[in-house]
Amino acid sequence: MEWRGRDNFMSIEHHSEDSEVRKNVELLMSQFAGDPKRAWPRGQIGCADDGATAYAIAADPQKRVIVIRFPKPMYWIGLDVDSARVLRDKLDDKINDLTVPKSQ
């Protein structure tokens, strides 16, 4: 499965402009490397809130699955409405990648 390229990366809090995409890729890679830096851009939800976490989404056409990869174990994620819509849209994009025939 390919985990490179801007279409496979996003973070919970930021998701649209190229500079934001680059920042999110850097956040994801630093979290994979174990960087303990944490932030709560919209405030802490509760004592178990570990802060903003980047994640990657990819579609595997051979296995016909969508994988959401986190840089650390997750019990739960909390999304504001805009971030939930972005996640929904990215999942829809990956579903389309797996189900809509590519024009040649």
N, C-alpha and C. Protein backbone atom coordinates (compact mmCIF):
# COMPACT_ATOMS: atom_id res chain seq x y z
N MET A 1 0.84 -1.17 0.00
CA MET A 1 0.00 0.00 0.00
C MET A 1 0.88 1.24 0.00
N GLU A 2 0.55 2.19 -0.79
CA GLU A 2 1.32 3.43 -0.93
C GLU A 2 0.90 4.42 0.15
N TRP A 3 1.87 4.90 0.95
CA TRP A 3 1.56 5.88 1.98
C TRP A 3 2.19 7.23 1.69
N ARG A 4 2.57 7.46 0.45
CA ARG A 4 3.15 8.75 0.11
C ARG A 4 2.17 9.53 -0.74
N GLY A 5 2.40 10.82 -0.85
CA GLY A 5 1.57 11.66 -1.68
C GLY A 5 0.56 12.44 -0.85
N ARG A 6 0.26 13.63 -1.28
CA ARG A 6 -0.58 14.52 -0.49
C ARG A 6 -2.00 14.02 -0.32
N ASP A 7 -2.52 13.19 -1.21
CA ASP A 7 -3.89 12.73 -1.09
C ASP A 7 -4.08 11.72 0.04
N ASN A 8 -3.01 11.14 0.55
CA ASN A 8 -3.13 10.14 1.60
C ASN A 8 -2.95 10.71 2.99
N PHE A 9 -2.60 11.99 3.10
CA PHE A 9 -2.30 12.55 4.40
C PHE A 9 -3.23 13.68 4.77
N MET A 10 -3.58 13.74 6.03
CA MET A 10 -4.32 14.86 6.57
C MET A 10 -4.21 14.80 8.08
N SER A 11 -4.62 15.85 8.75
CA SER A 11 -4.67 15.80 10.20
C SER A 11 -6.06 16.19 10.65
N ILE A 12 -6.33 15.99 11.89
CA ILE A 12 -7.66 16.25 12.41
C ILE A 12 -8.00 17.74 12.34
N GLU A 13 -7.05 18.60 12.62
CA GLU A 13 -7.39 20.01 12.74
C GLU A 13 -7.19 20.85 11.48
N HIS A 14 -6.33 20.44 10.59
CA HIS A 14 -6.04 21.25 9.40
C HIS A 14 -6.08 20.36 8.18
N HIS A 15 -6.55 20.90 7.05
CA HIS A 15 -6.75 19.97 5.96
C HIS A 15 -6.87 20.53 4.57
N SER A 16 -6.68 21.81 4.29
CA SER A 16 -7.02 22.27 2.96
C SER A 16 -5.87 22.79 2.11
N GLU A 17 -5.17 23.82 2.51
CA GLU A 17 -4.18 24.46 1.65
C GLU A 17 -2.88 23.65 1.57
N ASP A 18 -2.12 23.88 0.49
CA ASP A 18 -0.87 23.15 0.30
C ASP A 18 0.08 23.30 1.48
N SER A 19 0.22 24.51 2.02
CA SER A 19 1.11 24.70 3.17
C SER A 19 0.58 23.91 4.37
N GLU A 20 -0.73 23.82 4.50
CA GLU A 20 -1.31 23.03 5.59
C GLU A 20 -1.07 21.55 5.36
N VAL A 21 -1.19 21.10 4.12
CA VAL A 21 -0.93 19.70 3.82
C VAL A 21 0.51 19.35 4.18
N ARG A 22 1.44 20.21 3.79
CA ARG A 22 2.85 19.98 4.11
C ARG A 22 3.06 19.94 5.62
N LYS A 23 2.43 20.86 6.34
CA LYS A 23 2.54 20.90 7.80
C LYS A 23 1.95 19.62 8.42
N ASN A 24 0.85 19.13 7.85
CA ASN A 24 0.22 17.92 8.37
C ASN A 24 1.06 16.68 8.11
N VAL A 25 1.70 16.62 6.96
CA VAL A 25 2.60 15.50 6.67
C VAL A 25 3.76 15.53 7.65
N GLU A 26 4.30 16.72 7.92
CA GLU A 26 5.39 16.84 8.89
C GLU A 26 4.93 16.42 10.28
N LEU A 27 3.69 16.81 10.67
CA LEU A 27 3.16 16.41 11.96
C LEU A 27 3.02 14.90 12.04
N LEU A 28 2.47 14.29 11.00
CA LEU A 28 2.29 12.84 10.98
C LEU A 28 3.64 12.14 11.11
N MET A 29 4.62 12.58 10.34
CA MET A 29 5.93 11.93 10.37
C MET A 29 6.60 12.13 11.73
N SER A 30 6.46 13.31 12.33
CA SER A 30 7.06 13.53 13.65
C SER A 30 6.37 12.67 14.71
N GLN A 31 5.04 12.49 14.57
CA GLN A 31 4.34 11.64 15.53
C GLN A 31 4.72 10.17 15.35
N PHE A 32 4.92 9.74 14.10
CA PHE A 32 5.41 8.38 13.87
C PHE A 32 6.79 8.19 14.50
N ALA A 33 7.59 9.27 14.51
CA ALA A 33 8.93 9.20 15.09
C ALA A 33 8.91 9.29 16.62
N GLY A 34 7.72 9.50 17.20
CA GLY A 34 7.62 9.54 18.65
C GLY A 34 7.73 10.92 19.26
N ASP A 35 7.59 11.98 18.46
CA ASP A 35 7.64 13.35 18.97
C ASP A 35 6.50 13.56 19.97
N PRO A 36 6.82 13.92 21.21
CA PRO A 36 5.77 14.07 22.22
C PRO A 36 5.02 15.39 22.17
N LYS A 37 5.35 16.28 21.19
CA LYS A 37 4.69 17.58 21.14
C LYS A 37 3.18 17.39 21.01
N ARG A 38 2.43 18.05 21.89
CA ARG A 38 0.97 17.93 21.87
C ARG A 38 0.35 19.32 21.82
N ALA A 39 -0.81 19.40 21.20
CA ALA A 39 -1.54 20.67 21.12
C ALA A 39 -3.03 20.37 21.13
N TRP A 40 -3.78 21.32 21.63
CA TRP A 40 -5.23 21.22 21.66
C TRP A 40 -5.81 22.47 21.00
N PRO A 41 -5.85 22.50 19.66
CA PRO A 41 -6.27 23.71 18.95
C PRO A 41 -7.67 24.20 19.32
N ARG A 42 -8.55 23.32 19.73
CA ARG A 42 -9.91 23.72 20.09
C ARG A 42 -10.21 23.46 21.57
N GLY A 43 -9.17 23.31 22.35
CA GLY A 43 -9.35 23.04 23.77
C GLY A 43 -9.36 21.54 24.04
N GLN A 44 -9.02 21.18 25.25
CA GLN A 44 -8.96 19.77 25.63
C GLN A 44 -10.38 19.26 25.91
N ILE A 45 -10.73 18.10 25.33
CA ILE A 45 -12.06 17.53 25.50
C ILE A 45 -12.23 16.97 26.91
N GLY A 46 -11.21 16.35 27.42
CA GLY A 46 -11.26 15.77 28.76
C GLY A 46 -9.88 15.32 29.16
N CYS A 47 -9.78 14.70 30.33
CA CYS A 47 -8.46 14.31 30.83
C CYS A 47 -7.80 13.24 29.97
N ALA A 48 -8.55 12.47 29.21
CA ALA A 48 -7.98 11.43 28.35
C ALA A 48 -7.62 11.95 26.96
N ASP A 49 -7.86 13.24 26.71
CA ASP A 49 -7.59 13.83 25.39
C ASP A 49 -6.08 14.01 25.23
N ASP A 50 -5.50 13.32 24.24
CA ASP A 50 -4.06 13.36 24.01
C ASP A 50 -3.65 14.43 23.02
N GLY A 51 -4.57 15.26 22.59
CA GLY A 51 -4.25 16.36 21.69
C GLY A 51 -4.46 15.99 20.23
N ALA A 52 -4.22 16.96 19.37
CA ALA A 52 -4.39 16.78 17.93
C ALA A 52 -3.47 15.67 17.43
N THR A 53 -4.01 14.80 16.63
CA THR A 53 -3.27 13.66 16.10
C THR A 53 -3.43 13.63 14.59
N ALA A 54 -2.33 13.49 13.90
CA ALA A 54 -2.37 13.33 12.45
C ALA A 54 -2.74 11.90 12.11
N TYR A 55 -3.28 11.71 10.92
CA TYR A 55 -3.56 10.35 10.45
C TYR A 55 -3.44 10.32 8.95
N ALA A 56 -3.28 9.12 8.42
CA ALA A 56 -3.15 8.92 6.98
C ALA A 56 -4.28 8.01 6.51
N ILE A 57 -4.79 8.29 5.33
CA ILE A 57 -5.85 7.47 4.75
C ILE A 57 -5.36 7.00 3.38
N ALA A 58 -5.52 5.70 3.12
CA ALA A 58 -5.11 5.15 1.82
C ALA A 58 -6.09 4.07 1.41
N ALA A 59 -6.24 3.91 0.11
CA ALA A 59 -7.05 2.83 -0.44
C ALA A 59 -6.12 1.80 -1.06
N ASP A 60 -6.37 0.55 -0.76
CA ASP A 60 -5.61 -0.55 -1.34
C ASP A 60 -6.49 -1.23 -2.39
N PRO A 61 -6.27 -0.93 -3.68
CA PRO A 61 -7.15 -1.48 -4.72
C PRO A 61 -7.06 -2.99 -4.86
N GLN A 62 -5.92 -3.59 -4.52
CA GLN A 62 -5.79 -5.04 -4.64
C GLN A 62 -6.65 -5.76 -3.60
N LYS A 63 -6.65 -5.24 -2.39
CA LYS A 63 -7.44 -5.86 -1.31
C LYS A 63 -8.81 -5.22 -1.16
N ARG A 64 -9.02 -4.10 -1.88
CA ARG A 64 -10.29 -3.36 -1.84
C ARG A 64 -10.67 -2.97 -0.41
N VAL A 65 -9.70 -2.37 0.28
CA VAL A 65 -9.93 -1.88 1.63
C VAL A 65 -9.40 -0.45 1.75
N ILE A 66 -9.96 0.26 2.69
CA ILE A 66 -9.49 1.59 3.05
C ILE A 66 -8.86 1.47 4.42
N VAL A 67 -7.67 2.02 4.57
CA VAL A 67 -6.95 1.94 5.84
C VAL A 67 -6.75 3.35 6.37
N ILE A 68 -7.10 3.54 7.63
CA ILE A 68 -6.78 4.79 8.33
C ILE A 68 -5.68 4.44 9.32
N ARG A 69 -4.55 5.10 9.17
CA ARG A 69 -3.38 4.78 9.99
C ARG A 69 -3.08 5.93 10.95
N PHE A 70 -2.90 5.58 12.22
CA PHE A 70 -2.57 6.55 13.25
C PHE A 70 -1.13 6.31 13.69
N PRO A 71 -0.43 7.35 14.16
CA PRO A 71 0.96 7.18 14.55
C PRO A 71 1.14 6.55 15.93
N LYS A 72 0.05 6.35 16.64
CA LYS A 72 0.13 5.76 17.98
C LYS A 72 -1.22 5.07 18.26
N PRO A 73 -1.27 4.22 19.27
CA PRO A 73 -2.54 3.56 19.60
C PRO A 73 -3.62 4.60 19.97
N MET A 74 -4.84 4.36 19.52
CA MET A 74 -5.96 5.27 19.78
C MET A 74 -7.11 4.50 20.40
N TYR A 75 -7.67 5.04 21.45
CA TYR A 75 -8.91 4.49 22.00
C TYR A 75 -10.10 5.18 21.37
N TRP A 76 -9.95 6.48 21.06
CA TRP A 76 -11.02 7.24 20.45
C TRP A 76 -10.43 8.47 19.76
N ILE A 77 -11.21 9.05 18.87
CA ILE A 77 -10.85 10.35 18.31
C ILE A 77 -12.08 11.25 18.43
N GLY A 78 -11.83 12.52 18.61
CA GLY A 78 -12.90 13.51 18.66
C GLY A 78 -12.73 14.48 17.51
N LEU A 79 -13.81 14.73 16.79
CA LEU A 79 -13.76 15.61 15.62
C LEU A 79 -14.81 16.70 15.75
N ASP A 80 -14.41 17.95 15.45
CA ASP A 80 -15.43 18.98 15.34
C ASP A 80 -16.19 18.73 14.03
N VAL A 81 -17.25 19.46 13.80
CA VAL A 81 -18.10 19.20 12.63
C VAL A 81 -17.31 19.33 11.33
N ASP A 82 -16.52 20.39 11.19
CA ASP A 82 -15.75 20.58 9.95
C ASP A 82 -14.76 19.45 9.72
N SER A 83 -14.06 19.03 10.77
CA SER A 83 -13.09 17.94 10.64
C SER A 83 -13.79 16.62 10.32
N ALA A 84 -14.98 16.41 10.89
CA ALA A 84 -15.74 15.20 10.59
C ALA A 84 -16.17 15.19 9.12
N ARG A 85 -16.56 16.35 8.61
CA ARG A 85 -16.92 16.43 7.18
C ARG A 85 -15.72 16.15 6.29
N VAL A 86 -14.56 16.65 6.67
CA VAL A 86 -13.35 16.40 5.88
C VAL A 86 -13.04 14.91 5.88
N LEU A 87 -13.12 14.27 7.04
CA LEU A 87 -12.88 12.83 7.11
C LEU A 87 -13.89 12.08 6.24
N ARG A 88 -15.16 12.45 6.33
CA ARG A 88 -16.20 11.83 5.51
C ARG A 88 -15.87 11.98 4.02
N ASP A 89 -15.47 13.20 3.63
CA ASP A 89 -15.16 13.45 2.21
C ASP A 89 -13.95 12.64 1.75
N LYS A 90 -12.93 12.56 2.60
CA LYS A 90 -11.75 11.76 2.25
C LYS A 90 -12.11 10.28 2.13
N LEU A 91 -12.96 9.79 3.04
CA LEU A 91 -13.41 8.40 2.95
C LEU A 91 -14.22 8.18 1.67
N ASP A 92 -15.09 9.14 1.33
CA ASP A 92 -15.84 9.05 0.07
C ASP A 92 -14.90 9.00 -1.13
N ASP A 93 -13.84 9.82 -1.10
CA ASP A 93 -12.84 9.80 -2.19
C ASP A 93 -12.21 8.42 -2.32
N LYS A 94 -11.84 7.83 -1.19
CA LYS A 94 -11.20 6.51 -1.23
C LYS A 94 -12.19 5.43 -1.66
N ILE A 95 -13.45 5.55 -1.24
CA ILE A 95 -14.47 4.62 -1.70
C ILE A 95 -14.60 4.70 -3.21
N ASN A 96 -14.62 5.92 -3.73
CA ASN A 96 -14.69 6.11 -5.18
C ASN A 96 -13.47 5.53 -5.88
N ASP A 97 -12.30 5.69 -5.26
CA ASP A 97 -11.08 5.10 -5.84
C ASP A 97 -11.23 3.60 -6.02
N LEU A 98 -11.97 2.97 -5.11
CA LEU A 98 -12.13 1.52 -5.15
C LEU A 98 -13.32 1.04 -5.97
N THR A 99 -14.28 1.92 -6.24
CA THR A 99 -15.51 1.46 -6.86
C THR A 99 -15.82 2.07 -8.21
N VAL A 100 -15.33 3.26 -8.48
CA VAL A 100 -15.64 3.93 -9.75
C VAL A 100 -14.58 3.55 -10.77
N PRO A 101 -15.01 3.01 -11.93
CA PRO A 101 -14.01 2.65 -12.96
C PRO A 101 -13.24 3.88 -13.43
N LYS A 102 -11.95 3.71 -13.61
CA LYS A 102 -11.09 4.81 -14.09
C LYS A 102 -11.29 4.96 -15.60
N SER A 103 -11.47 6.20 -16.04
CA SER A 103 -11.60 6.43 -17.49
C SER A 103 -10.21 6.38 -18.11
N GLN A 104 -10.15 5.86 -19.32
CA GLN A 104 -8.84 5.70 -19.96
C GLN A 104 -8.67 6.67 -21.08
